[in-house]
Amino acid sequence: MVSYALEKDFMIKTIPDLIDDIKYYWKRTKDVPLSWMETIGSKMSVYAWNKRWRNREEGTGYAKKPSSEIFEPKSTEDDCQ
C-alpha cells in the first residue's frame, strides 16, 4: 500500500519534456543578467544624451566649429599660364 502511494505521486518525465524544461530554465537564467545590462545600458544612454543635448550653453552637441575650420574654397588658378 505504501509503495502504491509513492508510485502515484512520482511522475516520470519524458526526454522531450526534460529538454523543454532545461531550455526554459536556461532562458530564465540568462534573462537576469541580460535585464541588468539592458537597464544599465539604458541609463547610460539617457545620461549621455542629456549631457550632450541638455542646453545650448553647456551641451556638447551644439558646439560650433571655430571660424578657422570652416571650409572656404580656394580660387582656381590655371597652371598653364
N, C-alpha and C. Protein backbone atom coordinates (compact mmCIF):
# COMPACT_ATOMS: atom_id res chain seq x y z
N MET A 1 0.80 -1.19 0.00
CA MET A 1 0.00 0.00 0.00
C MET A 1 0.85 1.26 0.00
N VAL A 2 1.90 1.27 0.74
CA VAL A 2 2.78 2.43 0.80
C VAL A 2 3.47 2.62 -0.54
N SER A 3 3.92 1.55 -1.14
CA SER A 3 4.59 1.67 -2.42
C SER A 3 3.64 2.20 -3.50
N TYR A 4 2.36 1.88 -3.39
CA TYR A 4 1.39 2.39 -4.35
C TYR A 4 1.24 3.90 -4.21
N ALA A 5 1.25 4.43 -3.01
CA ALA A 5 1.13 5.87 -2.79
C ALA A 5 2.36 6.59 -3.34
N LEU A 6 3.53 6.01 -3.18
CA LEU A 6 4.75 6.63 -3.69
C LEU A 6 4.75 6.65 -5.21
N GLU A 7 4.30 5.56 -5.82
CA GLU A 7 4.27 5.49 -7.26
C GLU A 7 3.25 6.46 -7.84
N LYS A 8 2.17 6.69 -7.14
CA LYS A 8 1.13 7.56 -7.63
C LYS A 8 1.61 9.02 -7.65
N ASP A 9 2.38 9.47 -6.67
CA ASP A 9 2.87 10.84 -6.59
C ASP A 9 4.08 11.08 -7.48
N PHE A 10 4.80 10.05 -7.79
CA PHE A 10 6.01 10.18 -8.59
C PHE A 10 5.65 10.14 -10.07
N MET A 11 6.09 11.16 -10.80
CA MET A 11 5.75 11.22 -12.21
C MET A 11 7.05 11.19 -13.03
N ILE A 12 7.11 10.34 -14.01
CA ILE A 12 8.30 10.23 -14.84
C ILE A 12 8.16 11.18 -16.02
N LYS A 13 9.25 11.94 -16.27
CA LYS A 13 9.26 12.86 -17.41
C LYS A 13 9.82 12.16 -18.62
N THR A 14 9.29 12.53 -19.74
CA THR A 14 9.84 12.00 -20.98
C THR A 14 11.04 12.87 -21.38
N ILE A 15 11.86 12.38 -22.26
CA ILE A 15 13.06 13.11 -22.68
C ILE A 15 12.71 14.44 -23.35
N PRO A 16 11.72 14.51 -24.24
CA PRO A 16 11.37 15.82 -24.82
C PRO A 16 10.89 16.82 -23.76
N ASP A 17 10.15 16.34 -22.75
CA ASP A 17 9.72 17.24 -21.67
C ASP A 17 10.92 17.72 -20.86
N LEU A 18 11.87 16.84 -20.62
CA LEU A 18 13.07 17.23 -19.89
C LEU A 18 13.88 18.26 -20.67
N ILE A 19 13.99 18.07 -21.98
CA ILE A 19 14.70 19.04 -22.82
C ILE A 19 14.00 20.39 -22.80
N ASP A 20 12.67 20.39 -22.86
CA ASP A 20 11.92 21.64 -22.79
C ASP A 20 12.13 22.34 -21.45
N ASP A 21 12.15 21.57 -20.37
CA ASP A 21 12.40 22.16 -19.05
C ASP A 21 13.79 22.76 -18.96
N ILE A 22 14.78 22.06 -19.51
CA ILE A 22 16.15 22.58 -19.48
C ILE A 22 16.24 23.88 -20.27
N LYS A 23 15.60 23.92 -21.44
CA LYS A 23 15.59 25.15 -22.25
C LYS A 23 14.92 26.29 -21.50
N TYR A 24 13.80 25.98 -20.83
CA TYR A 24 13.08 27.01 -20.08
C TYR A 24 13.94 27.57 -18.96
N TYR A 25 14.57 26.70 -18.17
CA TYR A 25 15.39 27.18 -17.05
C TYR A 25 16.64 27.89 -17.55
N TRP A 26 17.19 27.48 -18.68
CA TRP A 26 18.35 28.16 -19.25
C TRP A 26 17.97 29.57 -19.69
N LYS A 27 16.81 29.74 -20.35
CA LYS A 27 16.33 31.06 -20.75
C LYS A 27 16.11 31.95 -19.53
N ARG A 28 15.50 31.37 -18.51
CA ARG A 28 15.22 32.13 -17.30
C ARG A 28 16.52 32.56 -16.60
N THR A 29 17.53 31.70 -16.64
CA THR A 29 18.82 32.02 -16.02
C THR A 29 19.52 33.12 -16.79
N LYS A 30 19.47 33.08 -18.13
CA LYS A 30 20.11 34.11 -18.94
C LYS A 30 19.39 35.45 -18.84
N ASP A 31 18.11 35.43 -18.55
CA ASP A 31 17.31 36.65 -18.56
C ASP A 31 17.74 37.63 -17.47
N VAL A 32 18.18 37.16 -16.32
CA VAL A 32 18.53 38.04 -15.21
C VAL A 32 19.70 38.96 -15.56
N PRO A 33 20.87 38.44 -15.97
CA PRO A 33 21.96 39.37 -16.31
C PRO A 33 21.65 40.23 -17.53
N LEU A 34 20.88 39.68 -18.48
CA LEU A 34 20.53 40.49 -19.65
C LEU A 34 19.63 41.66 -19.27
N SER A 35 18.73 41.46 -18.34
CA SER A 35 17.87 42.57 -17.92
C SER A 35 18.69 43.61 -17.17
N TRP A 36 19.70 43.18 -16.40
CA TRP A 36 20.59 44.16 -15.73
C TRP A 36 21.34 44.98 -16.77
N MET A 37 21.89 44.30 -17.78
CA MET A 37 22.63 45.02 -18.83
C MET A 37 21.72 45.99 -19.57
N GLU A 38 20.50 45.57 -19.83
CA GLU A 38 19.55 46.43 -20.52
C GLU A 38 19.24 47.68 -19.69
N THR A 39 19.04 47.49 -18.40
CA THR A 39 18.72 48.62 -17.52
C THR A 39 19.90 49.57 -17.42
N ILE A 40 21.10 49.04 -17.20
CA ILE A 40 22.29 49.89 -17.06
C ILE A 40 22.59 50.59 -18.38
N GLY A 41 22.48 49.87 -19.50
CA GLY A 41 22.74 50.47 -20.80
C GLY A 41 21.77 51.58 -21.12
N SER A 42 20.52 51.40 -20.76
CA SER A 42 19.51 52.43 -20.99
C SER A 42 19.82 53.68 -20.17
N LYS A 43 20.20 53.49 -18.92
CA LYS A 43 20.54 54.64 -18.07
C LYS A 43 21.77 55.37 -18.60
N MET A 44 22.75 54.62 -19.10
CA MET A 44 23.95 55.25 -19.67
C MET A 44 23.59 56.05 -20.91
N SER A 45 22.70 55.53 -21.73
CA SER A 45 22.29 56.21 -22.95
C SER A 45 21.57 57.51 -22.62
N VAL A 46 20.67 57.47 -21.66
CA VAL A 46 19.93 58.67 -21.27
C VAL A 46 20.88 59.71 -20.69
N TYR A 47 21.83 59.26 -19.86
CA TYR A 47 22.81 60.18 -19.27
C TYR A 47 23.63 60.87 -20.37
N ALA A 48 24.11 60.09 -21.32
CA ALA A 48 24.94 60.65 -22.40
C ALA A 48 24.12 61.61 -23.27
N TRP A 49 22.88 61.24 -23.57
CA TRP A 49 22.04 62.10 -24.40
C TRP A 49 21.79 63.43 -23.68
N ASN A 50 21.47 63.36 -22.39
CA ASN A 50 21.22 64.59 -21.63
C ASN A 50 22.49 65.43 -21.50
N LYS A 51 23.62 64.79 -21.34
CA LYS A 51 24.88 65.51 -21.22
C LYS A 51 25.19 66.24 -22.53
N ARG A 52 24.85 65.64 -23.64
CA ARG A 52 25.18 66.22 -24.94
C ARG A 52 24.20 67.30 -25.37
N TRP A 53 22.91 67.07 -25.17
CA TRP A 53 21.91 67.96 -25.75
C TRP A 53 21.10 68.76 -24.73
N ARG A 54 21.51 68.82 -23.46
CA ARG A 54 20.64 69.43 -22.45
C ARG A 54 20.38 70.91 -22.67
N ASN A 55 21.38 71.69 -23.08
CA ASN A 55 21.13 73.09 -23.42
C ASN A 55 22.24 73.58 -24.34
N ARG A 56 22.03 74.72 -24.95
CA ARG A 56 22.97 75.22 -25.95
C ARG A 56 24.26 75.74 -25.34
N GLU A 57 24.23 76.18 -24.11
CA GLU A 57 25.45 76.75 -23.50
C GLU A 57 26.42 75.67 -23.01
N GLU A 58 25.88 74.63 -22.38
CA GLU A 58 26.76 73.63 -21.77
C GLU A 58 26.82 72.32 -22.55
N GLY A 59 25.85 72.06 -23.39
CA GLY A 59 25.84 70.79 -24.13
C GLY A 59 26.90 70.76 -25.21
N THR A 60 27.45 69.58 -25.45
CA THR A 60 28.50 69.45 -26.47
C THR A 60 27.91 69.24 -27.85
N GLY A 61 26.67 68.86 -27.96
CA GLY A 61 26.06 68.60 -29.26
C GLY A 61 25.86 69.84 -30.10
N TYR A 62 25.82 70.98 -29.44
CA TYR A 62 25.60 72.24 -30.15
C TYR A 62 26.90 72.99 -30.43
N ALA A 63 28.03 72.38 -30.17
CA ALA A 63 29.31 73.08 -30.34
C ALA A 63 29.49 73.51 -31.79
N LYS A 64 29.99 74.72 -31.95
CA LYS A 64 30.24 75.24 -33.29
C LYS A 64 31.72 75.18 -33.59
N LYS A 65 32.05 75.00 -34.85
CA LYS A 65 33.44 74.96 -35.25
C LYS A 65 34.01 76.37 -35.20
N PRO A 66 35.25 76.49 -34.82
CA PRO A 66 35.88 77.80 -34.90
C PRO A 66 35.93 78.27 -36.35
N SER A 67 36.01 79.57 -36.56
CA SER A 67 35.94 80.10 -37.93
C SER A 67 37.09 79.60 -38.79
N SER A 68 38.21 79.24 -38.20
CA SER A 68 39.35 78.77 -39.00
C SER A 68 39.08 77.39 -39.60
N GLU A 69 38.16 76.63 -39.04
CA GLU A 69 37.88 75.29 -39.55
C GLU A 69 36.76 75.28 -40.59
N ILE A 70 36.12 76.41 -40.82
CA ILE A 70 35.05 76.46 -41.81
C ILE A 70 35.67 76.36 -43.20
N PHE A 71 35.08 75.54 -44.02
CA PHE A 71 35.62 75.29 -45.36
C PHE A 71 35.40 76.50 -46.25
N GLU A 72 36.47 76.98 -46.83
CA GLU A 72 36.39 78.06 -47.81
C GLU A 72 37.12 77.59 -49.06
N PRO A 73 36.44 77.53 -50.18
CA PRO A 73 37.08 77.03 -51.41
C PRO A 73 38.17 78.01 -51.86
N LYS A 74 39.28 77.44 -52.32
CA LYS A 74 40.38 78.26 -52.81
C LYS A 74 40.07 78.68 -54.25
N SER A 75 40.62 79.80 -54.64
CA SER A 75 40.42 80.25 -56.02
C SER A 75 41.17 79.31 -56.97
N THR A 76 40.58 79.05 -58.10
CA THR A 76 41.21 78.15 -59.07
C THR A 76 42.18 78.94 -59.94
N GLU A 77 43.37 78.44 -60.03
CA GLU A 77 44.38 79.11 -60.85
C GLU A 77 44.80 78.13 -61.93
N ASP A 78 45.02 78.66 -63.09
CA ASP A 78 45.46 77.85 -64.21
C ASP A 78 46.97 77.66 -64.13
N ASP A 79 47.43 76.42 -64.16
CA ASP A 79 48.86 76.16 -64.13
C ASP A 79 49.49 76.33 -65.51
N CYS A 80 48.69 76.42 -66.53
CA CYS A 80 49.21 76.50 -67.89
C CYS A 80 49.78 77.89 -68.22
N GLN A 81 49.37 78.87 -67.57
CA GLN A 81 49.79 80.23 -67.94
C GLN A 81 51.13 80.58 -67.38
